[in-house]
C-alpha cells in the first residue's frame, strides 16, 4: 500500500482491506507512520509516540491506525493535558474508552496536542508550541482537539480521539474540514478516574473523515461501564444501520443568528442556508427558529463550571506531579480561571446548575417540536494561529477568558450544557478555500437520527475530494474517503 492509496481510505475501508487480507496490518502501520512523518514537521500535532503495539484486537477496526488526544489516559504513556504542570508524568492506568478503542482493534500510534487543560478554541500550549491547520498553516486548527484534527485532515490518520466540553470536537472539525460528532451525555464512558467531566458538559468521542466511520466507531465504543453515573440505554439497532435508511420527514429548525458573540460572516450564513435548502428538497419541513438564550446567565454558567473544573484539575495535577499552579507551570488565562474556581461559593455553583437545568429543559422541549436544529458550527472561519493566546497576561480574569473562548464559538456550548448529540459536517467552504462547518443537533439519545441525516447530506453535498495544502499523499493526487 502506498501513501496515496492509504490516504484515500477512511477507517471503514482500511478495516475492510485488512480483514479481507488485501493488505497486512503491519504494512498499514508502516504507511501510517510514513504519513505522520510526512506532515508532522509542518503541523506540530504529535506530543508523544510513535508507539509499538505488539497485539491487535480482532475488532471491527482491527489494525486501523489511530491517535489519542493527550487528555485520555493510556497506561505507561505520557499524560500532559497540554500543561507544564504535568510535564513528564506517565499515566498508571487506562481509561475505559482507551480499552474500548483497543478492543475495537484500533492501533494508537501517537498522542496528539491539546491546549492547556483542553480549554481553548486554539491549540498552542506553551509546553509544545502551536499546532497548525493543514489547510493554511497560518490559521488555527481549532481546539481543544486540534492535534487530532490536524493529523486526520492531513491524511496521516483516518480518524482519531477527541473530546468536547464546549465545542472541542466540533470546532476543529469545522476548521479542518472533518466530521465531528459529540454524542449524548453518557453515551460514551469517561471513567473510571472521574464520574463526569466539567460538571457533565464534557463528552468523549472522535474526529473522522466520513459519517460511516463515526457511526461504526460509536457502535464499537458506546455503552455504560460498571459504576458510571449515567446508564444510557443502547439503541434498538446499530448506529451504522441508520445510514442505510432514508430519514423520515423531519421538522427542521434553522438559525444563522448567534446567541451571543461575533456576527455570523456572510459566507458562513450562505452555506447554512444552502444546507437548509437541500434538506427542504429532501422532503423535510424547514422553519427559522431558535429558543431564546439568556446571554449573561449562560456566560456566568460557563464561567463557574469551567473555572471550577480548572481549579480541580490544577489541584489534582499538582498533587500527582508534585508541582504548583504558578506562572512557571500554568498559562496566564488558566491561572485566572483557577483563581476564580478556588473562590467560587456553593450558591454560585448552585446558580450555574440551575441555569444548566433551565437551558436543558427549554432545549429539550424545543427538540420535541423541531426534531433537528441546524446552525453554523462557528460564526467565522479559522482565525490566525495563536488566537486567543492562553498565556497572554491581558487575560487577567476568568470573564476575560470566557469572552475570548466563547465569543467566537457561541453555538457549540449549548449542546454541552444540555447533553444533546451534535455533529459538525464540512458542508461548504469560504472564499479563501477554508472549510466551513455546519452543525446539526438532535434530541438526547437520537444519534441515529443525526447520523442518518448527516449521511444523506454527505451524499448530496460530498466533501471527500477536497484536500488541504499540507497532505500526506504525493502532490497531484486527488484523495478522499472511500
Foldseek 3Di string as FASTA:
>chain_A
DALQVLLQAALQVQLVCCVVVVDPLVVSVVRLVLLCVQFCVLFLWFDDFQDDDPDFAPASRASAEEAEELCFADAQAQRDQLWLLRPPPHDHDGFLLVVLCRNNNYDHGTYTFFHHNFFFQFTARPVRGGGAALQDRQFGLTTGNSSQLRCCLQSSHQKYKDKDLQCHQPSSCQQSFWKGKFAFQQFADGDDPDQDALVQLMGIDMIGHDLLVRQVRSQRGTADDPPHPDGDDDDPDGLNVLQVDAFDAFFEEEEAAFLAADHFDPVLVVLLVVLQVVSVVSPHHYDHDDDHDDVVLQLLLSLQSVLLNLLVVQVVSCVVSVHHCDLVIHAQLSVQSNVVNVPDDPVSNVSSLVSLVVLLVRVQVVCVVGFKYKYWQWSDHTHGHPQPPRRDNVSNHSSSSSCSRCNRGRPRSSCSSNRWMKMWHQQDADPVRGTTTMMMTGHHPVSSSVSNVSSVSCVVRPDFQDHHNNHSDDPPDGHGHD
